[in-house]
């Protein structure tokens, strides 16, 4: 993400600040760093406003535009392989698509 302009970086910082401000109390009340990490890991499940945060919207848009084609292609490949009896389930699909997406040049 180092190719952003100064305006882009300022905008991203503002979005992250908004997100952190909204969860600050929850993180501050965590009894340990591990508990704060769990709060962050499960934020989507526990925060009803999660999908309304500008940073989350931005990340979703960025991922879709940058990696959407790779994810879709790998999902189609795995789905086809599973329909042919070659796959072993949802976890394998997610793991495979994640691995292939990480390895892609995109």
PDB file of N, CA and C in Angstrom:
ATOM      1  N   UNK A   1       0.816  -1.190   0.000  1.00  0.00           N
ATOM      2  CA  UNK A   1       0.000   0.000   0.000  1.00  0.00           C
ATOM      3  C   UNK A   1       0.865   1.261   0.000  1.00  0.00           C
ATOM      4  N   UNK A   2       2.101   1.136  -0.368  1.00  0.00           N
ATOM      5  CA  UNK A   2       3.011   2.270  -0.311  1.00  0.00           C
ATOM      6  C   UNK A   2       2.851   3.230  -1.490  1.00  0.00           C
ATOM      7  N   UNK A   3       1.988   2.940  -2.439  1.00  0.00           N
ATOM      8  CA  UNK A   3       1.818   3.794  -3.607  1.00  0.00           C
ATOM      9  C   UNK A   3       0.727   4.840  -3.421  1.00  0.00           C
ATOM     10  N   UNK A   4       0.292   5.074  -2.204  1.00  0.00           N
ATOM     11  CA  UNK A   4      -0.761   6.043  -1.934  1.00  0.00           C
ATOM     12  C   UNK A   4      -0.200   7.458  -1.873  1.00  0.00           C
ATOM     13  N   UNK A   5      -1.016   8.398  -2.293  1.00  0.00           N
ATOM     14  CA  UNK A   5      -0.636   9.802  -2.188  1.00  0.00           C
ATOM     15  C   UNK A   5      -0.787  10.256  -0.737  1.00  0.00           C
ATOM     16  N   UNK A   6      -0.291  11.434  -0.439  1.00  0.00           N
ATOM     17  CA  UNK A   6      -0.414  11.982   0.911  1.00  0.00           C
ATOM     18  C   UNK A   6      -1.880  12.147   1.296  1.00  0.00           C
ATOM     19  N   UNK A   7      -2.716  12.549   0.336  1.00  0.00           N
ATOM     20  CA  UNK A   7      -4.154  12.681   0.609  1.00  0.00           C
ATOM     21  C   UNK A   7      -4.784  11.332   0.921  1.00  0.00           C
ATOM     22  N   UNK A   8      -4.388  10.294   0.170  1.00  0.00           N
ATOM     23  CA  UNK A   8      -4.901   8.945   0.417  1.00  0.00           C
ATOM     24  C   UNK A   8      -4.514   8.469   1.812  1.00  0.00           C
ATOM     25  N   UNK A   9      -3.258   8.703   2.175  1.00  0.00           N
ATOM     26  CA  UNK A   9      -2.787   8.287   3.490  1.00  0.00           C
ATOM     27  C   UNK A   9      -3.530   9.018   4.595  1.00  0.00           C
ATOM     28  N   UNK A  10      -3.760  10.299   4.416  1.00  0.00           N
ATOM     29  CA  UNK A  10      -4.507  11.075   5.415  1.00  0.00           C
ATOM     30  C   UNK A  10      -5.933  10.551   5.539  1.00  0.00           C
ATOM     31  N   UNK A  11      -6.536  10.222   4.418  1.00  0.00           N
ATOM     32  CA  UNK A  11      -7.892   9.682   4.426  1.00  0.00           C
ATOM     33  C   UNK A  11      -7.934   8.329   5.135  1.00  0.00           C
ATOM     34  N   UNK A  12      -6.966   7.477   4.841  1.00  0.00           N
ATOM     35  CA  UNK A  12      -6.901   6.172   5.500  1.00  0.00           C
ATOM     36  C   UNK A  12      -6.690   6.316   7.001  1.00  0.00           C
ATOM     37  N   UNK A  13      -5.823   7.236   7.386  1.00  0.00           N
ATOM     38  CA  UNK A  13      -5.594   7.468   8.813  1.00  0.00           C
ATOM     39  C   UNK A  13      -6.868   7.920   9.501  1.00  0.00           C
ATOM     40  N   UNK A  14      -7.622   8.767   8.840  1.00  0.00           N
ATOM     41  CA  UNK A  14      -8.888   9.230   9.395  1.00  0.00           C
ATOM     42  C   UNK A  14      -9.874   8.074   9.552  1.00  0.00           C
ATOM     43  N   UNK A  15      -9.929   7.195   8.559  1.00  0.00           N
ATOM     44  CA  UNK A  15     -10.832   6.041   8.622  1.00  0.00           C
ATOM     45  C   UNK A  15     -10.448   5.097   9.763  1.00  0.00           C
ATOM     46  N   UNK A  16      -9.157   4.835   9.905  1.00  0.00           N
ATOM     47  CA  UNK A  16      -8.692   3.955  10.981  1.00  0.00           C
ATOM     48  C   UNK A  16      -8.959   4.611  12.333  1.00  0.00           C
ATOM     49  N   UNK A  17      -8.736   5.904  12.425  1.00  0.00           N
ATOM     50  CA  UNK A  17      -9.004   6.637  13.663  1.00  0.00           C
ATOM     51  C   UNK A  17     -10.480   6.503  14.055  1.00  0.00           C
ATOM     52  N   UNK A  18     -11.385   6.640  13.066  1.00  0.00           N
ATOM     53  CA  UNK A  18     -12.819   6.510  13.331  1.00  0.00           C
ATOM     54  C   UNK A  18     -13.133   5.111  13.870  1.00  0.00           C
ATOM     55  N   UNK A  19     -12.577   4.094  13.248  1.00  0.00           N
ATOM     56  CA  UNK A  19     -12.799   2.726  13.692  1.00  0.00           C
ATOM     57  C   UNK A  19     -12.280   2.527  15.113  1.00  0.00           C
ATOM     58  N   UNK A  20     -11.058   2.961  15.354  1.00  0.00           N
ATOM     59  CA  UNK A  20     -10.464   2.790  16.682  1.00  0.00           C
ATOM     60  C   UNK A  20     -11.221   3.574  17.749  1.00  0.00           C
ATOM     61  N   UNK A  21     -11.687   4.758  17.404  1.00  0.00           N
ATOM     62  CA  UNK A  21     -12.455   5.569  18.351  1.00  0.00           C
ATOM     63  C   UNK A  21     -13.731   4.836  18.757  1.00  0.00           C
ATOM     64  N   UNK A  22     -14.359   4.171  17.808  1.00  0.00           N
ATOM     65  CA  UNK A  22     -15.623   3.509  18.094  1.00  0.00           C
ATOM     66  C   UNK A  22     -15.445   2.235  18.927  1.00  0.00           C
ATOM     67  N   UNK A  23     -14.274   1.633  18.904  1.00  0.00           N
ATOM     68  CA  UNK A  23     -14.059   0.417  19.693  1.00  0.00           C
ATOM     69  C   UNK A  23     -13.116   0.643  20.871  1.00  0.00           C
ATOM     70  N   UNK A  24     -12.734   1.886  21.094  1.00  0.00           N
ATOM     71  CA  UNK A  24     -11.768   2.223  22.144  1.00  0.00           C
ATOM     72  C   UNK A  24     -12.194   1.713  23.522  1.00  0.00           C
ATOM     73  N   UNK A  25     -13.452   1.920  23.885  1.00  0.00           N
ATOM     74  CA  UNK A  25     -13.915   1.499  25.205  1.00  0.00           C
ATOM     75  C   UNK A  25     -13.860  -0.015  25.366  1.00  0.00           C
ATOM     76  N   UNK A  26     -14.238  -0.722  24.309  1.00  0.00           N
ATOM     77  CA  UNK A  26     -14.210  -2.187  24.377  1.00  0.00           C
ATOM     78  C   UNK A  26     -12.787  -2.688  24.550  1.00  0.00           C
ATOM     79  N   UNK A  27     -11.853  -2.070  23.835  1.00  0.00           N
ATOM     80  CA  UNK A  27     -10.456  -2.490  23.959  1.00  0.00           C
ATOM     81  C   UNK A  27      -9.883  -2.111  25.320  1.00  0.00           C
ATOM     82  N   UNK A  28     -10.239  -0.921  25.798  1.00  0.00           N
ATOM     83  CA  UNK A  28      -9.728  -0.459  27.092  1.00  0.00           C
ATOM     84  C   UNK A  28     -10.229  -1.329  28.242  1.00  0.00           C
ATOM     85  N   UNK A  29     -11.414  -1.894  28.095  1.00  0.00           N
ATOM     86  CA  UNK A  29     -11.967  -2.718  29.169  1.00  0.00           C
ATOM     87  C   UNK A  29     -11.467  -4.160  29.124  1.00  0.00           C
ATOM     88  N   UNK A  30     -10.716  -4.500  28.112  1.00  0.00           N
ATOM     89  CA  UNK A  30     -10.172  -5.860  28.012  1.00  0.00           C
ATOM     90  C   UNK A  30      -9.155  -6.076  29.130  1.00  0.00           C
ATOM     91  N   UNK A  31      -9.267  -7.194  29.843  1.00  0.00           N
ATOM     92  CA  UNK A  31      -8.364  -7.430  30.974  1.00  0.00           C
ATOM     93  C   UNK A  31      -6.927  -7.783  30.574  1.00  0.00           C
ATOM     94  N   UNK A  32      -6.718  -8.119  29.306  1.00  0.00           N
ATOM     95  CA  UNK A  32      -5.366  -8.473  28.868  1.00  0.00           C
ATOM     96  C   UNK A  32      -5.218  -8.174  27.379  1.00  0.00           C
ATOM     97  N   UNK A  33      -3.996  -8.211  26.936  1.00  0.00           N
ATOM     98  CA  UNK A  33      -3.716  -8.017  25.516  1.00  0.00           C
ATOM     99  C   UNK A  33      -4.369  -9.135  24.704  1.00  0.00           C
ATOM    100  N   UNK A  34      -4.335 -10.334  25.234  1.00  0.00           N
ATOM    101  CA  UNK A  34      -4.944 -11.478  24.539  1.00  0.00           C
ATOM    102  C   UNK A  34      -6.449 -11.267  24.365  1.00  0.00           C
ATOM    103  N   UNK A  35      -7.106 -10.735  25.399  1.00  0.00           N
ATOM    104  CA  UNK A  35      -8.543 -10.468  25.303  1.00  0.00           C
ATOM    105  C   UNK A  35      -8.825  -9.369  24.284  1.00  0.00           C
ATOM    106  N   UNK A  36      -7.979  -8.355  24.241  1.00  0.00           N
ATOM    107  CA  UNK A  36      -8.139  -7.283  23.249  1.00  0.00           C
ATOM    108  C   UNK A  36      -7.983  -7.855  21.842  1.00  0.00           C
ATOM    109  N   UNK A  37      -7.051  -8.785  21.686  1.00  0.00           N
ATOM    110  CA  UNK A  37      -6.859  -9.423  20.383  1.00  0.00           C
ATOM    111  C   UNK A  37      -8.103 -10.214  19.979  1.00  0.00           C
ATOM    112  N   UNK A  38      -8.694 -10.914  20.921  1.00  0.00           N
ATOM    113  CA  UNK A  38      -9.916 -11.674  20.641  1.00  0.00           C
ATOM    114  C   UNK A  38     -11.042 -10.725  20.239  1.00  0.00           C
ATOM    115  N   UNK A  39     -11.137  -9.599  20.913  1.00  0.00           N
ATOM    116  CA  UNK A  39     -12.151  -8.595  20.568  1.00  0.00           C
ATOM    117  C   UNK A  39     -11.969  -8.152  19.124  1.00  0.00           C
ATOM    118  N   UNK A  40     -10.739  -7.859  18.746  1.00  0.00           N
ATOM    119  CA  UNK A  40     -10.465  -7.421  17.379  1.00  0.00           C
ATOM    120  C   UNK A  40     -10.735  -8.529  16.357  1.00  0.00           C
ATOM    121  N   UNK A  41     -10.343  -9.748  16.702  1.00  0.00           N
ATOM    122  CA  UNK A  41     -10.544 -10.863  15.774  1.00  0.00           C
ATOM    123  C   UNK A  41     -12.018 -11.150  15.514  1.00  0.00           C
ATOM    124  N   UNK A  42     -12.859 -10.870  16.502  1.00  0.00           N
ATOM    125  CA  UNK A  42     -14.282 -11.174  16.381  1.00  0.00           C
ATOM    126  C   UNK A  42     -15.138  -9.919  16.225  1.00  0.00           C
ATOM    127  N   UNK A  43     -14.515  -8.845  15.840  1.00  0.00           N
ATOM    128  CA  UNK A  43     -15.218  -7.570  15.724  1.00  0.00           C
ATOM    129  C   UNK A  43     -16.383  -7.641  14.745  1.00  0.00           C
ATOM    130  N   UNK A  44     -16.192  -8.306  13.637  1.00  0.00           N
ATOM    131  CA  UNK A  44     -17.266  -8.403  12.651  1.00  0.00           C
ATOM    132  C   UNK A  44     -18.491  -9.101  13.240  1.00  0.00           C
ATOM    133  N   UNK A  45     -18.254 -10.096  14.078  1.00  0.00           N
ATOM    134  CA  UNK A  45     -19.359 -10.853  14.676  1.00  0.00           C
ATOM    135  C   UNK A  45     -20.043 -10.099  15.811  1.00  0.00           C
ATOM    136  N   UNK A  46     -19.311  -9.246  16.496  1.00  0.00           N
ATOM    137  CA  UNK A  46     -19.841  -8.647  17.723  1.00  0.00           C
ATOM    138  C   UNK A  46     -20.233  -7.181  17.600  1.00  0.00           C
ATOM    139  N   UNK A  47     -19.825  -6.518  16.542  1.00  0.00           N
ATOM    140  CA  UNK A  47     -20.127  -5.094  16.376  1.00  0.00           C
ATOM    141  C   UNK A  47     -21.148  -4.924  15.255  1.00  0.00           C
ATOM    142  N   UNK A  48     -22.354  -4.546  15.622  1.00  0.00           N
ATOM    143  CA  UNK A  48     -23.421  -4.417  14.622  1.00  0.00           C
ATOM    144  C   UNK A  48     -23.149  -3.325  13.599  1.00  0.00           C
ATOM    145  N   UNK A  49     -22.216  -2.441  13.885  1.00  0.00           N
ATOM    146  CA  UNK A  49     -21.889  -1.340  12.968  1.00  0.00           C
ATOM    147  C   UNK A  49     -20.652  -1.630  12.117  1.00  0.00           C
ATOM    148  N   UNK A  50     -20.102  -2.825  12.265  1.00  0.00           N
ATOM    149  CA  UNK A  50     -18.840  -3.170  11.617  1.00  0.00           C
ATOM    150  C   UNK A  50     -18.816  -2.823  10.130  1.00  0.00           C
ATOM    151  N   UNK A  51     -19.856  -3.186   9.416  1.00  0.00           N
ATOM    152  CA  UNK A  51     -19.879  -2.979   7.963  1.00  0.00           C
ATOM    153  C   UNK A  51     -20.155  -1.534   7.567  1.00  0.00           C
ATOM    154  N   UNK A  52     -20.439  -0.693   8.543  1.00  0.00           N
ATOM    155  CA  UNK A  52     -20.685   0.723   8.256  1.00  0.00           C
ATOM    156  C   UNK A  52     -19.437   1.587   8.413  1.00  0.00           C
ATOM    157  N   UNK A  53     -18.384   1.038   8.992  1.00  0.00           N
ATOM    158  CA  UNK A  53     -17.159   1.813   9.154  1.00  0.00           C
ATOM    159  C   UNK A  53     -16.541   2.087   7.797  1.00  0.00           C
ATOM    160  N   UNK A  54     -16.119   3.307   7.583  1.00  0.00           N
ATOM    161  CA  UNK A  54     -15.537   3.700   6.300  1.00  0.00           C
ATOM    162  C   UNK A  54     -14.296   2.876   5.964  1.00  0.00           C
ATOM    163  N   UNK A  55     -13.493   2.541   6.981  1.00  0.00           N
ATOM    164  CA  UNK A  55     -12.287   1.755   6.737  1.00  0.00           C
ATOM    165  C   UNK A  55     -12.654   0.353   6.230  1.00  0.00           C
ATOM    166  N   UNK A  56     -13.672  -0.245   6.812  1.00  0.00           N
ATOM    167  CA  UNK A  56     -14.118  -1.577   6.384  1.00  0.00           C
ATOM    168  C   UNK A  56     -14.645  -1.510   4.952  1.00  0.00           C
ATOM    169  N   UNK A  57     -15.425  -0.473   4.650  1.00  0.00           N
ATOM    170  CA  UNK A  57     -15.934  -0.294   3.286  1.00  0.00           C
ATOM    171  C   UNK A  57     -14.775  -0.131   2.307  1.00  0.00           C
ATOM    172  N   UNK A  58     -13.797   0.665   2.715  1.00  0.00           N
ATOM    173  CA  UNK A  58     -12.628   0.893   1.856  1.00  0.00           C
ATOM    174  C   UNK A  58     -11.880  -0.419   1.599  1.00  0.00           C
ATOM    175  N   UNK A  59     -11.604  -1.178   2.660  1.00  0.00           N
ATOM    176  CA  UNK A  59     -10.874  -2.438   2.508  1.00  0.00           C
ATOM    177  C   UNK A  59     -11.624  -3.414   1.611  1.00  0.00           C
ATOM    178  N   UNK A  60     -12.921  -3.493   1.809  1.00  0.00           N
ATOM    179  CA  UNK A  60     -13.723  -4.390   0.986  1.00  0.00           C
ATOM    180  C   UNK A  60     -13.620  -4.012  -0.490  1.00  0.00           C
ATOM    181  N   UNK A  61     -13.737  -2.727  -0.766  1.00  0.00           N
ATOM    182  CA  UNK A  61     -13.650  -2.225  -2.138  1.00  0.00           C
ATOM    183  C   UNK A  61     -12.252  -2.486  -2.714  1.00  0.00           C
ATOM    184  N   UNK A  62     -11.232  -2.207  -1.932  1.00  0.00           N
ATOM    185  CA  UNK A  62      -9.853  -2.394  -2.368  1.00  0.00           C
ATOM    186  C   UNK A  62      -9.569  -3.862  -2.686  1.00  0.00           C
ATOM    187  N   UNK A  63      -9.984  -4.756  -1.804  1.00  0.00           N
ATOM    188  CA  UNK A  63      -9.767  -6.191  -2.010  1.00  0.00           C
ATOM    189  C   UNK A  63     -10.522  -6.670  -3.238  1.00  0.00           C
ATOM    190  N   UNK A  64     -11.765  -6.230  -3.379  1.00  0.00           N
ATOM    191  CA  UNK A  64     -12.561  -6.655  -4.534  1.00  0.00           C
ATOM    192  C   UNK A  64     -11.909  -6.208  -5.838  1.00  0.00           C
ATOM    193  N   UNK A  65     -11.470  -4.961  -5.880  1.00  0.00           N
ATOM    194  CA  UNK A  65     -10.851  -4.440  -7.104  1.00  0.00           C
ATOM    195  C   UNK A  65      -9.487  -5.047  -7.379  1.00  0.00           C
ATOM    196  N   UNK A  66      -8.732  -5.340  -6.328  1.00  0.00           N
ATOM    197  CA  UNK A  66      -7.373  -5.836  -6.495  1.00  0.00           C
ATOM    198  C   UNK A  66      -7.314  -7.347  -6.653  1.00  0.00           C
ATOM    199  N   UNK A  67      -8.088  -8.063  -5.862  1.00  0.00           N
ATOM    200  CA  UNK A  67      -7.978  -9.518  -5.831  1.00  0.00           C
ATOM    201  C   UNK A  67      -9.253 -10.251  -6.251  1.00  0.00           C
ATOM    202  N   UNK A  68     -10.297  -9.529  -6.556  1.00  0.00           N
ATOM    203  CA  UNK A  68     -11.575 -10.152  -6.876  1.00  0.00           C
ATOM    204  C   UNK A  68     -11.502 -11.184  -7.968  1.00  0.00           C
ATOM    205  N   UNK A  69     -10.794 -10.869  -9.052  1.00  0.00           N
ATOM    206  CA  UNK A  69     -10.691 -11.802 -10.174  1.00  0.00           C
ATOM    207  C   UNK A  69      -9.935 -13.075  -9.776  1.00  0.00           C
ATOM    208  N   UNK A  70      -8.882 -12.925  -8.985  1.00  0.00           N
ATOM    209  CA  UNK A  70      -8.097 -14.083  -8.537  1.00  0.00           C
ATOM    210  C   UNK A  70      -8.957 -14.967  -7.635  1.00  0.00           C
ATOM    211  N   UNK A  71      -9.658 -14.348  -6.692  1.00  0.00           N
ATOM    212  CA  UNK A  71     -10.504 -15.104  -5.764  1.00  0.00           C
ATOM    213  C   UNK A  71     -11.606 -15.843  -6.530  1.00  0.00           C
ATOM    214  N   UNK A  72     -12.231 -15.146  -7.443  1.00  0.00           N
ATOM    215  CA  UNK A  72     -13.312 -15.757  -8.218  1.00  0.00           C
ATOM    216  C   UNK A  72     -12.800 -16.930  -9.056  1.00  0.00           C
ATOM    217  N   UNK A  73     -11.669 -16.749  -9.711  1.00  0.00           N
ATOM    218  CA  UNK A  73     -11.108 -17.808 -10.549  1.00  0.00           C
ATOM    219  C   UNK A  73     -10.760 -19.043  -9.724  1.00  0.00           C
ATOM    220  N   UNK A  74     -10.101 -18.835  -8.597  1.00  0.00           N
ATOM    221  CA  UNK A  74      -9.716 -19.969  -7.751  1.00  0.00           C
ATOM    222  C   UNK A  74     -10.937 -20.645  -7.137  1.00  0.00           C
ATOM    223  N   UNK A  75     -11.942 -19.873  -6.760  1.00  0.00           N
ATOM    224  CA  UNK A  75     -13.175 -20.444  -6.224  1.00  0.00           C
ATOM    225  C   UNK A  75     -13.856 -21.310  -7.270  1.00  0.00           C
ATOM    226  N   UNK A  76     -13.917 -20.808  -8.504  1.00  0.00           N
ATOM    227  CA  UNK A  76     -14.518 -21.583  -9.588  1.00  0.00           C
ATOM    228  C   UNK A  76     -13.756 -22.883  -9.828  1.00  0.00           C
ATOM    229  N   UNK A  77     -12.425 -22.804  -9.834  1.00  0.00           N
ATOM    230  CA  UNK A  77     -11.608 -24.003 -10.037  1.00  0.00           C
ATOM    231  C   UNK A  77     -11.884 -25.045  -8.952  1.00  0.00           C
ATOM    232  N   UNK A  78     -11.902 -24.587  -7.703  1.00  0.00           N
ATOM    233  CA  UNK A  78     -12.119 -25.513  -6.588  1.00  0.00           C
ATOM    234  C   UNK A  78     -13.530 -26.077  -6.606  1.00  0.00           C
ATOM    235  N   UNK A  79     -14.493 -25.234  -6.901  1.00  0.00           N
ATOM    236  CA  UNK A  79     -15.883 -25.682  -6.950  1.00  0.00           C
ATOM    237  C   UNK A  79     -16.047 -26.738  -8.034  1.00  0.00           C
ATOM    238  N   UNK A  80     -15.428 -26.517  -9.176  1.00  0.00           N
ATOM    239  CA  UNK A  80     -15.481 -27.505 -10.260  1.00  0.00           C
ATOM    240  C   UNK A  80     -14.820 -28.805  -9.821  1.00  0.00           C
ATOM    241  N   UNK A  81     -13.649 -28.710  -9.198  1.00  0.00           N
ATOM    242  CA  UNK A  81     -12.935 -29.902  -8.743  1.00  0.00           C
ATOM    243  C   UNK A  81     -13.770 -30.665  -7.718  1.00  0.00           C
ATOM    244  N   UNK A  82     -14.440 -29.929  -6.812  1.00  0.00           N
ATOM    245  CA  UNK A  82     -15.283 -30.595  -5.814  1.00  0.00           C
ATOM    246  C   UNK A  82     -16.469 -31.282  -6.466  1.00  0.00           C
ATOM    247  N   UNK A  83     -17.023 -30.664  -7.492  1.00  0.00           N
ATOM    248  CA  UNK A  83     -18.166 -31.288  -8.174  1.00  0.00           C
ATOM    249  C   UNK A  83     -17.739 -32.555  -8.920  1.00  0.00           C
ATOM    250  N   UNK A  84     -16.456 -32.657  -9.202  1.00  0.00           N
ATOM    251  CA  UNK A  84     -15.921 -33.844  -9.864  1.00  0.00           C
ATOM    252  C   UNK A  84     -15.438 -34.875  -8.842  1.00  0.00           C
ATOM    253  N   UNK A  85     -15.670 -34.588  -7.559  1.00  0.00           N
ATOM    254  CA  UNK A  85     -15.269 -35.516  -6.503  1.00  0.00           C
ATOM    255  C   UNK A  85     -13.832 -35.392  -6.076  1.00  0.00           C
ATOM    256  N   UNK A  86     -13.159 -34.319  -6.465  1.00  0.00           N
ATOM    257  CA  UNK A  86     -11.731 -34.171  -6.154  1.00  0.00           C
ATOM    258  C   UNK A  86     -11.480 -33.349  -4.895  1.00  0.00           C
ATOM    259  N   UNK A  87     -12.450 -32.560  -4.439  1.00  0.00           N
ATOM    260  CA  UNK A  87     -12.256 -31.708  -3.270  1.00  0.00           C
ATOM    261  C   UNK A  87     -12.727 -32.388  -2.015  1.00  0.00           C
ATOM    262  N   UNK A  88     -12.397 -31.780  -0.865  1.00  0.00           N
ATOM    263  CA  UNK A  88     -12.805 -32.407   0.390  1.00  0.00           C
ATOM    264  C   UNK A  88     -13.531 -31.434   1.313  1.00  0.00           C
ATOM    265  N   UNK A  89     -14.190 -30.413   0.779  1.00  0.00           N
ATOM    266  CA  UNK A  89     -15.024 -29.604   1.646  1.00  0.00           C
ATOM    267  C   UNK A  89     -14.704 -28.132   1.668  1.00  0.00           C
ATOM    268  N   UNK A  90     -15.533 -27.422   2.425  1.00  0.00           N
ATOM    269  CA  UNK A  90     -15.483 -25.968   2.501  1.00  0.00           C
ATOM    270  C   UNK A  90     -14.154 -25.467   3.042  1.00  0.00           C
ATOM    271  N   UNK A  91     -13.655 -26.077   4.140  1.00  0.00           N
ATOM    272  CA  UNK A  91     -12.390 -25.615   4.709  1.00  0.00           C
ATOM    273  C   UNK A  91     -11.270 -25.702   3.683  1.00  0.00           C
ATOM    274  N   UNK A  92     -11.261 -26.765   2.912  1.00  0.00           N
ATOM    275  CA  UNK A  92     -10.245 -26.919   1.881  1.00  0.00           C
ATOM    276  C   UNK A  92     -10.384 -25.820   0.835  1.00  0.00           C
ATOM    277  N   UNK A  93     -11.606 -25.486   0.470  1.00  0.00           N
ATOM    278  CA  UNK A  93     -11.845 -24.422  -0.501  1.00  0.00           C
ATOM    279  C   UNK A  93     -11.302 -23.099   0.023  1.00  0.00           C
ATOM    280  N   UNK A  94     -11.658 -22.748   1.238  1.00  0.00           N
ATOM    281  CA  UNK A  94     -11.202 -21.486   1.820  1.00  0.00           C
ATOM    282  C   UNK A  94      -9.685 -21.466   1.937  1.00  0.00           C
ATOM    283  N   UNK A  95      -9.116 -22.569   2.420  1.00  0.00           N
ATOM    284  CA  UNK A  95      -7.660 -22.644   2.563  1.00  0.00           C
ATOM    285  C   UNK A  95      -6.969 -22.532   1.209  1.00  0.00           C
ATOM    286  N   UNK A  96      -7.488 -23.222   0.223  1.00  0.00           N
ATOM    287  CA  UNK A  96      -6.882 -23.195  -1.114  1.00  0.00           C
ATOM    288  C   UNK A  96      -6.966 -21.803  -1.731  1.00  0.00           C
ATOM    289  N   UNK A  97      -8.143 -21.210  -1.683  1.00  0.00           N
ATOM    290  CA  UNK A  97      -8.318 -19.879  -2.280  1.00  0.00           C
ATOM    291  C   UNK A  97      -7.434 -18.865  -1.552  1.00  0.00           C
ATOM    292  N   UNK A  98      -7.367 -18.953  -0.232  1.00  0.00           N
ATOM    293  CA  UNK A  98      -6.516 -18.044   0.541  1.00  0.00           C
ATOM    294  C   UNK A  98      -5.056 -18.219   0.146  1.00  0.00           C
ATOM    295  N   UNK A  99      -4.606 -19.455   0.056  1.00  0.00           N
ATOM    296  CA  UNK A  99      -3.207 -19.723  -0.310  1.00  0.00           C
ATOM    297  C   UNK A  99      -2.899 -19.191  -1.710  1.00  0.00           C
ATOM    298  N   UNK A 100      -3.757 -19.491  -2.665  1.00  0.00           N
ATOM    299  CA  UNK A 100      -3.535 -19.044  -4.046  1.00  0.00           C
ATOM    300  C   UNK A 100      -3.588 -17.518  -4.156  1.00  0.00           C
ATOM    301  N   UNK A 101      -4.456 -16.900  -3.386  1.00  0.00           N
ATOM    302  CA  UNK A 101      -4.555 -15.438  -3.412  1.00  0.00           C
ATOM    303  C   UNK A 101      -3.288 -14.814  -2.833  1.00  0.00           C
ATOM    304  N   UNK A 102      -2.800 -15.374  -1.759  1.00  0.00           N
ATOM    305  CA  UNK A 102      -1.542 -14.868  -1.171  1.00  0.00           C
ATOM    306  C   UNK A 102      -0.377 -14.995  -2.148  1.00  0.00           C
ATOM    307  N   UNK A 103      -0.368 -16.082  -2.892  1.00  0.00           N
ATOM    308  CA  UNK A 103       0.737 -16.341  -3.811  1.00  0.00           C
ATOM    309  C   UNK A 103       0.642 -15.576  -5.119  1.00  0.00           C
ATOM    310  N   UNK A 104      -0.529 -15.004  -5.409  1.00  0.00           N
ATOM    311  CA  UNK A 104      -0.709 -14.319  -6.678  1.00  0.00           C
ATOM    312  C   UNK A 104       0.100 -13.023  -6.724  1.00  0.00           C
ATOM    313  N   UNK A 105       0.483 -12.622  -7.905  1.00  0.00           N
ATOM    314  CA  UNK A 105       1.226 -11.362  -8.042  1.00  0.00           C
ATOM    315  C   UNK A 105       0.355 -10.159  -7.711  1.00  0.00           C
ATOM    316  N   UNK A 106      -0.950 -10.286  -7.913  1.00  0.00           N
ATOM    317  CA  UNK A 106      -1.858  -9.199  -7.581  1.00  0.00           C
ATOM    318  C   UNK A 106      -1.833  -8.923  -6.103  1.00  0.00           C
TER     319      UNK A 106
END
